[in-house]
C-alpha cells in the first residue's frame, strides 16, 4: 500500500524536475474543535483562548504534547499524549503579559509566539507585544477611549508593536522574559510612540527553523504603517536565539540590521530591515506558518509556507520551496501561491491564524529532531489544518482542526451554498450543524404582529430579533446567529455562538411550500 501511495504521489504536477502537489481537505473527515476543557476547566476558559497562531511541541521525557494559541491575558496550554487528544489545563499559565503601561517598556499586552523547544528542555519563545494607548487611561498618549475600536477614527490608531524574547527551562511549563524590560527587546521601530499615531511596529512572528549554517530563521511582520516604514514582512536570523541582540534583520544583502530602543538609545542609527511586500499574489501573508516536508519522493518540495488567503477570505494560501535547507529557502524563490477553500465561514465570521500540524511529526524519525519535536515536519498521513474562528461581537473562539492531504489533482471546488429560502416556505430543513439537536425540520409559526418564526420543538426555533436571526431556545439560549436583516431566515452564513453552539454552523433549505 505504501509503495502504491508513493508511486501515485510521484505522478503529481511537475515543474521541470520538481513536483508541485495540491493541498486538499480530506472529505472523510470533519471539522472538530481542539479547545476541549479538562475537568475543573470551564468551557468558557477553554474557549477564551485562540488569539494567535497555534504552536505545539513534544516532551520526550513525559511523552506529552502541548499546544497553545496565545492570548494576552493568561494563556492556558492544551496537553495530551498527542495532538489528537488535547485538553485545556486551566491550572497552568505558561506565560502572561507583563502589563506595563509605559510604551518604553515594550512589555504591555503580550502574546507568546514562535516557540522553539530544544532536546534538553530549554527553549525560546518570541513574544508579540502591543502597546495599546487607548487602554492606558493616559490622555497624553491617545485621544480615544474606545476599547472596541467602534469609532473609525480610533481604529488602528494609538498602537505600537514590538517583539521580545522569552525563555523556558522546563519543557515549556513556564516561560519568562529573558531579561527585565526593556532588555528583553528583540525588534522595535526606531521611533518613540507619538500620541494618536497609526499602528506601527514589528510583531506577528512566524515559526523559526534552523538552517544548515546552524542559525535559526523566520519572518516578522511589519505591522501597520509609519513614516519610517511601510507594512510588510521582514526576514530575521539568530545564531544564538537565547540572546535578544543576536536577532538580526535582513538589509537587502545580508543580516546586519540591529534593533534598539529609541528611548534608551535616541542617537542610534539603523533599526529598519528590508521590507517585503505582502499582497494576495505573494507567497507569504502577514501570519506565516513554515513547515518542512519529510519522507517525500524525489522532486517533491522540501518546505511549505501557509497563510491567510485572498480577498474572498474563506481560504488559505500555500507555497512551496525546493531548497535543501531553510537558510536557502527563506532567501530563495517560492512557488506562486495556491488557494484552498476551507469553508470556514460556516464556523464564524472571522477566520484566523491557519497552521498545519502533522500528528506524527515527533515520530517520523525515531530520535529527537528539532523540527520533529516542534511539530514542524509534515508527512502525508496525519496532517491537520488548524484554524481559529470567531464571530464579531460574540465572546470566545473555536480552534478547529480538519485532516488535509497532498493530492495529485486540483481539488474540486466546494458545493455552492443552498439557495435563498422562498418567502412562502412553510417547512425548513436545518442540516450540517455540529449540534445534532439543531438539525431537523422547522415548521412555520406566527410570531408577533408582522413576523414569522420556524419551530422544531420546545428547545429549537428560528426567529428574528433586533434585525438579526437567532437559532436556539427562545428567551433561554442562542446556539447560532446570523446578523442580516431579511424577511426570511438566511440559508447560510450563520455563526456559532461559543460555549453554546457546536461548530460547524447550520445550513437551511426550504423543503415544503404551499
Protein backbone atom coordinates (compact mmCIF):
# COMPACT_ATOMS: atom_id res chain seq x y z
CA UNK A 1 0.00 0.00 0.00
CA UNK A 2 2.83 2.39 0.89
CA UNK A 3 4.65 1.65 -2.37
CA UNK A 4 1.43 2.31 -4.28
CA UNK A 5 0.93 5.63 -2.49
CA UNK A 6 4.49 6.75 -3.17
CA UNK A 7 4.10 5.75 -6.81
CA UNK A 8 0.93 7.81 -7.10
CA UNK A 9 2.48 10.79 -5.37
CA UNK A 10 5.25 10.82 -7.93
CA UNK A 11 2.58 11.49 -10.53
CA UNK A 12 1.90 14.95 -9.07
CA UNK A 13 2.11 18.09 -11.10
CA UNK A 14 5.65 18.57 -12.40
CA UNK A 15 7.58 21.79 -12.88
CA UNK A 16 10.76 20.77 -14.68
CA UNK A 17 12.29 18.11 -12.44
CA UNK A 18 10.15 19.13 -9.47
CA UNK A 19 6.71 18.04 -8.32
CA UNK A 20 4.19 20.59 -7.04
CA UNK A 21 1.33 18.95 -5.12
CA UNK A 22 -2.07 20.34 -4.29
CA UNK A 23 -3.41 20.60 -0.76
CA UNK A 24 -6.93 19.27 -0.22
CA UNK A 25 -9.37 18.71 2.60
CA UNK A 26 -9.88 15.05 3.48
CA UNK A 27 -13.60 14.61 2.79
CA UNK A 28 -13.69 11.55 5.02
CA UNK A 29 -13.01 13.89 7.95
CA UNK A 30 -14.99 16.74 9.50
CA UNK A 31 -14.02 19.91 11.32
CA UNK A 32 -13.58 19.18 15.02
CA UNK A 33 -12.92 21.51 17.97
CA UNK A 34 -9.49 21.28 19.59
CA UNK A 35 -10.02 23.55 22.60
CA UNK A 36 -11.68 20.95 24.85
CA UNK A 37 -11.66 21.67 28.61
CA UNK A 38 -10.33 19.26 31.24
CA UNK A 39 -12.34 18.59 34.41
CA UNK A 40 -12.10 21.69 36.54
CA UNK A 41 -11.58 23.89 33.48
CA UNK A 42 -14.70 25.62 32.26
CA UNK A 43 -15.70 25.70 28.63
CA UNK A 44 -15.50 29.47 28.83
CA UNK A 45 -11.87 29.28 29.98
CA UNK A 46 -11.00 26.79 27.24
CA UNK A 47 -12.65 28.88 24.53
CA UNK A 48 -11.17 32.11 25.85
CA UNK A 49 -8.01 31.08 24.02
CA UNK A 50 -7.15 31.44 20.36
CA UNK A 51 -5.73 34.89 19.68
CA UNK A 52 -2.56 33.80 17.89
CA UNK A 53 -1.22 31.13 15.56
CA UNK A 54 -1.26 27.80 17.41
CA UNK A 55 2.18 26.35 18.23
CA UNK A 56 2.99 22.89 19.60
CA UNK A 57 5.88 20.87 20.97
CA UNK A 58 6.60 17.37 22.27
CA UNK A 59 8.28 16.43 25.56
CA UNK A 60 10.22 13.18 25.18
CA UNK A 61 10.69 12.83 28.96
CA UNK A 62 6.95 12.71 29.66
CA UNK A 63 5.66 11.60 26.28
CA UNK A 64 3.22 14.53 26.32
CA UNK A 65 2.45 17.13 23.66
CA UNK A 66 1.49 20.74 24.34
CA UNK A 67 -0.32 23.23 22.13
CA UNK A 68 -1.00 26.89 22.84
CA UNK A 69 -2.84 29.60 20.94
CA UNK A 70 -1.87 32.65 22.91
CA UNK A 71 -3.98 35.37 24.39
CA UNK A 72 -2.59 38.43 26.15
CA UNK A 73 -4.13 37.54 29.50
CA UNK A 74 -3.48 34.05 30.89
CA UNK A 75 -2.71 31.58 28.14
CA UNK A 76 -3.75 28.02 29.05
CA UNK A 77 -1.93 25.06 27.48
CA UNK A 78 -3.71 22.18 25.76
CA UNK A 79 -1.96 18.98 26.83
CA UNK A 80 -2.26 15.32 25.77
CA UNK A 81 -0.32 12.23 24.77
CA UNK A 82 -0.53 13.55 21.22
CA UNK A 83 -2.31 16.32 19.36
CA UNK A 84 -5.37 14.13 18.81
CA UNK A 85 -6.47 14.17 22.45
CA UNK A 86 -5.59 17.59 23.83
CA UNK A 87 -7.42 19.11 26.77
CA UNK A 88 -7.11 22.60 28.21
CA UNK A 89 -5.27 22.71 31.52
CA UNK A 90 -6.57 25.76 33.31
CA UNK A 91 -4.39 25.13 36.35
CA UNK A 92 -1.31 26.16 34.39
CA UNK A 93 -0.41 29.50 32.84
CA UNK A 94 2.90 29.17 30.96
CA UNK A 95 3.07 32.88 30.16
CA UNK A 96 1.24 36.09 30.94
CA UNK A 97 1.53 39.71 29.92
CA UNK A 98 3.74 41.99 31.97
CA UNK A 99 1.04 44.65 31.76
CA UNK A 100 3.32 47.67 31.95
CA UNK A 101 1.50 50.88 30.99
CA UNK A 102 4.52 52.69 29.53
CA UNK A 103 5.42 52.41 25.83
CA UNK A 104 9.17 52.45 26.56
CA UNK A 105 8.89 49.15 28.48
CA UNK A 106 7.93 47.16 25.36
CA UNK A 107 6.16 44.84 27.81
CA UNK A 108 2.48 45.71 27.69
CA UNK A 109 -0.06 43.32 26.13
CA UNK A 110 1.99 40.27 25.15
CA UNK A 111 1.39 37.10 23.12
CA UNK A 112 3.82 34.17 23.31
CA UNK A 113 4.54 33.07 19.73
CA UNK A 114 7.09 31.15 17.69
CA UNK A 115 8.14 28.65 20.38
CA UNK A 116 11.23 26.56 19.66
CA UNK A 117 11.97 23.77 22.15
CA UNK A 118 15.31 22.00 22.43
CA UNK A 119 16.23 18.46 23.46
CA UNK A 120 17.43 19.40 26.97
CA UNK A 121 14.12 21.04 27.90
CA UNK A 122 15.24 24.60 27.30
CA UNK A 123 13.51 26.69 24.71
CA UNK A 124 12.71 30.15 23.43
CA UNK A 125 9.55 31.98 22.54
CA UNK A 126 9.39 35.19 20.57
CA UNK A 127 6.79 37.46 22.14
CA UNK A 128 4.50 39.75 20.17
CA UNK A 129 3.83 42.94 22.17
CA UNK A 130 1.21 45.66 21.69
CA UNK A 131 1.21 48.97 23.46
CA UNK A 132 -2.47 49.94 23.32
CA UNK A 133 -2.56 53.56 24.36
CA UNK A 134 -6.36 53.74 24.44
CA UNK A 135 -6.28 51.28 27.36
CA UNK A 136 -3.68 53.21 29.33
CA UNK A 137 -6.03 55.83 30.72
CA UNK A 138 -3.43 58.46 29.84
CA UNK A 139 -4.84 61.10 27.52
CA UNK A 140 -1.33 62.27 26.64
CA UNK A 141 -0.96 59.01 24.65
CA UNK A 142 -4.35 58.77 22.96
CA UNK A 143 -7.39 60.92 22.32
CA UNK A 144 -9.60 57.84 22.03
CA UNK A 145 -11.18 55.90 24.84
CA UNK A 146 -12.71 53.27 22.60
CA UNK A 147 -11.96 49.74 23.78
CA UNK A 148 -13.56 48.01 20.80
CA UNK A 149 -12.44 50.49 18.12
CA UNK A 150 -16.01 51.11 17.02
CA UNK A 151 -15.04 54.67 16.17
CA UNK A 152 -13.39 54.60 12.74
CA UNK A 153 -11.15 57.49 13.79
CA UNK A 154 -9.74 55.29 16.55
CA UNK A 155 -9.34 52.05 14.59
CA UNK A 156 -5.67 51.18 14.00
CA UNK A 157 -4.55 54.21 15.96
CA UNK A 158 -2.80 54.66 19.31
CA UNK A 159 -0.93 51.38 18.96
CA UNK A 160 2.71 50.31 18.71
CA UNK A 161 4.01 46.78 18.15
CA UNK A 162 7.33 45.28 19.18
CA UNK A 163 8.88 41.85 19.65
CA UNK A 164 10.60 40.48 22.74
CA UNK A 165 12.20 37.24 23.85
CA UNK A 166 11.05 34.73 26.47
CA UNK A 167 12.80 31.54 27.57
CA UNK A 168 11.91 28.29 29.33
CA UNK A 169 13.94 25.72 31.24
CA UNK A 170 11.20 23.18 31.94
CA UNK A 171 9.94 21.99 28.54
CA UNK A 172 7.56 24.91 28.22
CA UNK A 173 5.70 24.59 31.52
CA UNK A 174 6.67 28.19 32.21
CA UNK A 175 8.16 30.98 30.14
CA UNK A 176 9.60 34.27 31.38
CA UNK A 177 11.16 37.26 29.67
CA UNK A 178 14.86 36.67 29.15
CA UNK A 179 15.67 39.95 30.92
CA UNK A 180 13.76 42.65 32.75
CA UNK A 181 12.03 45.06 30.34
CA UNK A 182 13.15 46.67 28.14
CA UNK A 183 16.25 44.46 27.93
CA UNK A 184 14.19 41.60 26.51
CA UNK A 185 13.61 43.64 23.33
CA UNK A 186 14.29 41.93 20.01
CA UNK A 187 12.77 44.32 17.47
CA UNK A 188 11.17 47.77 17.56
CA UNK A 189 10.88 50.62 15.10
CA UNK A 190 13.47 53.34 15.84
CA UNK A 191 10.84 55.88 16.79
CA UNK A 192 9.24 56.71 20.13
CA UNK A 193 5.49 56.46 20.47
CA UNK A 194 3.65 59.56 19.27
CA UNK A 195 0.20 60.50 20.53
CA UNK A 196 -2.63 59.15 18.34
CA UNK A 197 -0.15 57.53 15.95
CA UNK A 198 -1.28 54.90 13.50
CA UNK A 199 -0.46 51.29 14.26
CA UNK A 200 3.20 50.55 13.53
CA UNK A 201 5.90 48.17 14.68
CA UNK A 202 7.32 44.64 14.46
CA UNK A 203 5.28 41.61 15.53
CA UNK A 204 3.29 38.54 14.44
CA UNK A 205 6.25 36.16 14.19
CA UNK A 206 6.47 33.03 12.06
CA UNK A 207 7.88 29.69 13.29
CA UNK A 208 11.68 29.67 13.46
CA UNK A 209 13.53 26.87 11.64
CA UNK A 210 17.23 26.11 11.81
CA UNK A 211 19.29 26.39 8.64
CA UNK A 212 22.28 24.36 7.52
CA UNK A 213 24.56 27.07 8.95
CA UNK A 214 23.24 26.46 12.49
CA UNK A 215 21.29 29.72 12.76
CA UNK A 216 17.52 29.94 13.07
CA UNK A 217 15.47 31.86 10.52
CA UNK A 218 11.94 33.19 10.26
CA UNK A 219 9.73 36.15 9.39
CA UNK A 220 8.49 39.02 11.47
CA UNK A 221 5.58 41.16 10.32
CA UNK A 222 5.89 44.91 9.95
CA UNK A 223 2.52 45.93 11.26
CA UNK A 224 0.52 48.93 10.13
CA UNK A 225 2.41 51.78 8.57
CA UNK A 226 4.68 54.51 9.86
CA UNK A 227 6.56 57.47 8.36
CA UNK A 228 9.65 55.28 8.56
CA UNK A 229 8.49 52.00 7.03
CA UNK A 230 5.51 50.53 5.18
CA UNK A 231 3.71 47.36 6.20
CA UNK A 232 5.07 44.01 5.05
CA UNK A 233 7.38 41.25 6.23
CA UNK A 234 10.98 41.20 7.41
CA UNK A 235 13.33 38.21 7.34
CA UNK A 236 15.20 37.58 10.61
CA UNK A 237 18.09 35.38 11.72
CA UNK A 238 19.75 34.47 15.02
CA UNK A 239 22.90 32.43 15.58
CA UNK A 240 22.19 32.13 19.30
CA UNK A 241 18.45 32.64 19.86
CA UNK A 242 18.78 32.90 23.66
CA UNK A 243 20.08 36.47 23.39
CA UNK A 244 17.80 39.26 22.11
CA UNK A 245 20.57 41.25 20.42
CA UNK A 246 21.56 38.20 18.36
CA UNK A 247 18.42 38.52 16.25
CA UNK A 248 19.26 40.44 13.10
CA UNK A 249 17.09 41.69 10.28
CA UNK A 250 17.83 41.40 6.57
CA UNK A 251 19.07 44.64 5.00
CA UNK A 252 18.67 43.56 1.37
CA UNK A 253 22.08 41.92 1.15
CA UNK A 254 22.81 40.26 4.49
CA UNK A 255 21.54 40.01 8.07
CA UNK A 256 23.08 43.10 9.64
CA UNK A 257 20.11 45.09 10.96
CA UNK A 258 20.29 45.52 14.73
CA UNK A 259 17.31 46.84 16.64
CA UNK A 260 17.40 49.11 19.65
CA UNK A 261 15.10 51.13 21.87
CA UNK A 262 14.85 54.77 20.77
CA UNK A 263 14.09 55.62 24.40
CA UNK A 264 17.43 54.37 25.76
CA UNK A 265 19.47 54.93 22.56
CA UNK A 266 17.96 58.05 20.95
CA UNK A 267 21.03 58.69 18.80
CA UNK A 268 21.46 55.15 17.49
CA UNK A 269 21.16 54.62 13.76
CA UNK A 270 19.63 51.75 11.77
CA UNK A 271 16.84 49.57 13.08
CA UNK A 272 14.95 49.20 9.79
CA UNK A 273 15.07 45.89 7.92
CA UNK A 274 14.26 45.38 4.27
CA UNK A 275 10.51 45.37 3.80
CA UNK A 276 9.00 42.56 1.69
CA UNK A 277 5.59 43.40 0.25
CA UNK A 278 2.57 41.35 1.26
CA UNK A 279 -0.19 41.04 -1.31
CA UNK A 280 -2.61 38.31 -2.38
CA UNK A 281 -0.07 37.29 -5.02
CA UNK A 282 2.95 36.92 -2.71
CA UNK A 283 3.89 33.54 -1.22
CA UNK A 284 3.84 34.90 2.35
CA UNK A 285 0.91 36.51 4.17
CA UNK A 286 1.07 38.59 7.36
CA UNK A 287 0.93 35.47 9.54
CA UNK A 288 3.18 32.81 8.01
CA UNK A 289 3.41 29.17 9.08
CA UNK A 290 6.56 27.46 7.78
CA UNK A 291 6.73 23.67 7.63
CA UNK A 292 9.30 21.11 6.43
CA UNK A 293 8.15 18.16 4.32
CA UNK A 294 9.58 14.79 5.36
CA UNK A 295 9.80 11.41 3.67
CA UNK A 296 8.55 12.63 0.30
CA UNK A 297 9.56 11.14 -3.09
CA UNK A 298 12.31 12.75 -5.19
CA UNK A 299 11.35 16.04 -6.78
CA UNK A 300 8.86 16.95 -4.08
CA UNK A 301 9.08 20.27 -2.21
CA UNK A 302 11.17 20.47 0.94
CA UNK A 303 9.43 23.41 2.63
CA UNK A 304 5.92 24.85 2.70
CA UNK A 305 4.59 28.29 3.67
CA UNK A 306 0.98 28.52 4.81
CA UNK A 307 -1.04 31.66 5.48
CA UNK A 308 -4.30 33.52 5.19
CA UNK A 309 -5.85 33.61 1.75
CA UNK A 310 -7.10 36.17 -0.72
CA UNK A 311 -9.91 38.71 -0.85
CA UNK A 312 -12.61 36.03 -0.67
CA UNK A 313 -11.41 35.39 2.88
CA UNK A 314 -12.66 31.81 3.15
CA UNK A 315 -9.43 30.20 2.05
CA UNK A 316 -5.77 29.71 2.85
CA UNK A 317 -2.72 30.23 0.67
CA UNK A 318 0.22 27.86 0.40
CA UNK A 319 3.53 27.96 -1.45
CA UNK A 320 6.50 25.61 -1.78
CA UNK A 321 10.29 25.72 -1.84
CA UNK A 322 12.58 23.02 -3.17
CA UNK A 323 15.74 24.27 -1.43
CA UNK A 324 17.79 21.76 0.58
CA UNK A 325 17.97 23.85 3.77
CA UNK A 326 15.83 26.54 5.34
CA UNK A 327 18.52 29.23 5.25
CA UNK A 328 18.45 28.88 1.47
CA UNK A 329 14.66 28.52 1.33
CA UNK A 330 13.81 31.72 3.17
CA UNK A 331 16.17 33.66 0.89
CA UNK A 332 15.16 31.88 -2.32
CA UNK A 333 12.25 31.60 -4.71
CA UNK A 334 8.90 30.10 -3.74
CA UNK A 335 6.12 28.86 -5.95
CA UNK A 336 3.25 31.22 -6.70
CA UNK A 337 0.59 30.80 -4.01
CA UNK A 338 -2.28 28.41 -4.45
CA UNK A 339 -5.52 28.75 -2.52
CA UNK A 340 -7.58 26.14 -0.73
CA UNK A 341 -11.18 26.95 0.16
CA UNK A 342 -11.82 25.67 3.66
CA UNK A 343 -15.43 26.74 4.25
CA UNK A 344 -14.56 28.49 7.49
CA UNK A 345 -17.42 30.97 7.12
CA UNK A 346 -19.71 28.28 8.50
CA UNK A 347 -17.71 28.29 11.72
CA UNK A 348 -17.63 32.00 12.39
CA UNK A 349 -17.47 35.38 10.78
CA UNK A 350 -13.71 35.64 11.14
CA UNK A 351 -11.20 33.02 10.02
CA UNK A 352 -7.77 33.48 11.60
CA UNK A 353 -4.28 32.05 12.03
CA UNK A 354 -4.18 28.90 9.85
CA UNK A 355 -1.40 26.44 10.69
CA UNK A 356 -0.71 22.78 9.92
CA UNK A 357 0.40 20.07 12.33
CA UNK A 358 1.27 16.50 11.47
CA UNK A 359 0.34 14.42 14.49
CA UNK A 360 3.19 12.05 13.63
CA UNK A 361 5.83 14.80 13.49
CA UNK A 362 7.75 13.64 16.62
CA UNK A 363 7.80 10.02 15.40
CA UNK A 364 8.67 10.48 11.72
CA UNK A 365 12.25 9.99 12.88
CA UNK A 366 12.91 7.67 15.84
CA UNK A 367 15.21 10.03 17.71
CA UNK A 368 14.92 13.69 18.66
CA UNK A 369 14.95 16.17 15.83
CA UNK A 370 14.34 19.85 16.38
CA UNK A 371 11.80 20.05 13.57
CA UNK A 372 10.06 16.83 14.61
CA UNK A 373 9.56 17.63 18.28
CA UNK A 374 8.38 21.16 17.47
CA UNK A 375 5.73 19.81 15.06
CA UNK A 376 7.45 21.41 12.06
CA UNK A 377 7.57 18.21 9.99
CA UNK A 378 4.82 17.20 7.57
CA UNK A 379 4.32 13.71 6.18
CA UNK A 380 1.25 12.81 4.17
CA UNK A 381 -0.61 10.51 6.54
CA UNK A 382 -1.76 12.52 9.57
CA UNK A 383 -1.65 16.20 8.56
CA UNK A 384 -4.26 18.51 10.03
CA UNK A 385 -5.17 22.09 9.25
CA UNK A 386 -5.92 24.17 12.35
CA UNK A 387 -7.85 27.44 12.18
CA UNK A 388 -9.18 29.88 14.76
CA UNK A 389 -12.70 31.16 14.16
CA UNK A 390 -14.80 33.72 15.97
CA UNK A 391 -17.90 35.80 15.42
CA UNK A 392 -17.96 39.57 15.71
CA UNK A 393 -19.45 40.85 18.97
CA UNK A 394 -19.51 37.31 20.42
CA UNK A 395 -17.01 36.32 23.13
CA UNK A 396 -14.86 33.25 22.76
CA UNK A 397 -13.29 31.43 19.85
CA UNK A 398 -13.14 27.96 18.39
CA UNK A 399 -9.85 26.28 17.50
CA UNK A 400 -10.85 23.80 14.82
CA UNK A 401 -8.93 21.10 13.01
CA UNK A 402 -9.54 19.03 9.91
CA UNK A 403 -7.42 16.45 8.14
CA UNK A 404 -5.74 17.53 4.91
CA UNK A 405 -3.73 15.64 2.33
CA UNK A 406 -1.35 16.34 -0.51
CA UNK A 407 -3.06 15.23 -3.67
CA UNK A 408 -2.26 14.71 -7.34
CA UNK A 409 -5.04 16.79 -8.82
CA UNK A 410 -6.54 20.15 -8.14
CA UNK A 411 -9.31 19.73 -5.55
CA UNK A 412 -12.87 20.18 -6.71
CA UNK A 413 -14.42 23.47 -5.64
CA UNK A 414 -16.81 23.26 -2.70
CA UNK A 415 -20.51 22.91 -3.46
CA UNK A 416 -22.44 26.16 -3.68
CA UNK A 417 -24.47 27.22 -0.64
CA UNK A 418 -28.19 26.47 -0.55
CA UNK A 419 -30.39 28.96 -2.45
CA UNK A 420 -32.30 31.65 -0.55
CA UNK A 421 -35.49 30.48 1.12
CA UNK A 422 -38.75 31.25 -0.68
CA UNK A 423 -40.96 33.82 1.02
CA UNK A 424 -43.81 31.30 1.24
CA UNK A 425 -41.69 28.48 2.66
CA UNK A 426 -43.65 26.51 5.27
CA UNK A 427 -41.06 23.90 6.32
CA UNK A 428 -37.30 24.48 6.63
CA UNK A 429 -34.75 21.70 6.82
CA UNK A 430 -31.76 22.57 9.03
CA UNK A 431 -28.71 20.40 8.39
CA UNK A 432 -24.96 20.29 8.83
CA UNK A 433 -24.89 21.83 12.31
CA UNK A 434 -22.34 20.50 14.77
CA UNK A 435 -25.11 20.36 17.36
CA UNK A 436 -27.21 17.38 16.20
CA UNK A 437 -30.20 18.55 18.22
CA UNK A 438 -30.35 21.60 15.96
CA UNK A 439 -30.67 19.59 12.75
CA UNK A 440 -34.17 18.68 11.61
CA UNK A 441 -37.42 20.12 10.27
CA UNK A 442 -38.74 23.52 11.40
CA UNK A 443 -42.36 24.48 10.71
CA UNK A 444 -43.72 27.96 10.11
CA UNK A 445 -45.44 29.54 13.13
CA UNK A 446 -46.86 33.06 13.62
CA UNK A 447 -44.56 35.27 15.70
CA UNK A 448 -45.55 38.71 16.90
CA UNK A 449 -47.59 41.10 14.77
CA UNK A 450 -45.71 41.03 11.50
CA UNK A 451 -43.08 38.30 11.83
CA UNK A 452 -42.76 34.58 11.39
CA UNK A 453 -40.72 32.01 13.24
CA UNK A 454 -39.94 28.37 12.46
CA UNK A 455 -40.20 25.85 15.28
CA UNK A 456 -38.77 22.36 15.60
CA UNK A 457 -39.66 21.65 19.25
CA UNK A 458 -39.61 23.30 22.66
CA UNK A 459 -35.84 23.74 22.58
CA UNK A 460 -35.18 24.84 18.99
CA UNK A 461 -36.64 27.64 16.89
CA UNK A 462 -35.55 30.10 14.20
CA UNK A 463 -36.79 33.59 14.96
CA UNK A 464 -35.92 37.25 14.24
CA UNK A 465 -34.74 39.59 16.99
CA UNK A 466 -33.37 43.15 16.66
CA UNK A 467 -32.56 42.85 12.95
CA UNK A 468 -30.77 39.53 13.33
CA UNK A 469 -31.84 35.90 13.05
CA UNK A 470 -31.44 33.59 16.03
CA UNK A 471 -31.47 29.82 16.16
CA UNK A 472 -31.94 28.42 19.63
CA UNK A 473 -34.36 28.23 22.52
CA UNK A 474 -36.25 31.49 22.59
CA UNK A 475 -35.55 33.64 25.67
CA UNK A 476 -33.23 30.94 27.03
CA UNK A 477 -30.24 30.12 24.82
CA UNK A 478 -28.89 31.12 21.42
CA UNK A 479 -26.84 28.49 19.59
CA UNK A 480 -26.34 30.19 16.21
CA UNK A 481 -26.99 33.67 14.87
CA UNK A 482 -26.97 35.48 11.55
CA UNK A 483 -26.72 39.25 11.54
CA UNK A 484 -28.70 40.03 8.43
CA UNK A 485 -31.97 41.91 8.33
CA UNK A 486 -34.00 39.86 5.85
CA UNK A 487 -37.61 38.79 5.54
CA UNK A 488 -36.70 35.09 5.58
CA UNK A 489 -34.01 33.28 7.55
CA UNK A 490 -30.76 33.16 5.57
CA UNK A 491 -29.80 29.78 4.15
CA UNK A 492 -26.11 30.11 5.09
CA UNK A 493 -23.66 32.46 6.80
CA UNK A 494 -24.65 31.54 10.35
CA UNK A 495 -22.14 31.96 13.18
CA UNK A 496 -21.63 29.53 16.02
CA UNK A 497 -22.02 31.03 19.50
CA UNK A 498 -19.02 29.86 21.55
CA UNK A 499 -19.88 27.95 24.73
CA UNK A 500 -23.39 27.18 23.41
CA UNK A 501 -23.47 26.09 19.79
CA UNK A 502 -21.17 23.45 18.33
CA UNK A 503 -19.36 24.13 15.05
CA UNK A 504 -19.96 23.97 12.21
CA UNK A 505 -22.93 26.26 11.92
CA UNK A 506 -26.04 25.09 10.06
CA UNK A 507 -27.31 25.34 6.52
CA UNK A 508 -31.00 25.89 5.74
CA UNK A 509 -33.13 24.59 2.89
CA UNK A 510 -36.81 25.04 2.12
CA UNK A 511 -38.40 21.59 1.73
CA UNK A 512 -42.09 22.47 1.65
CA UNK A 513 -44.09 25.38 0.28
CA UNK A 514 -47.87 25.72 -0.13
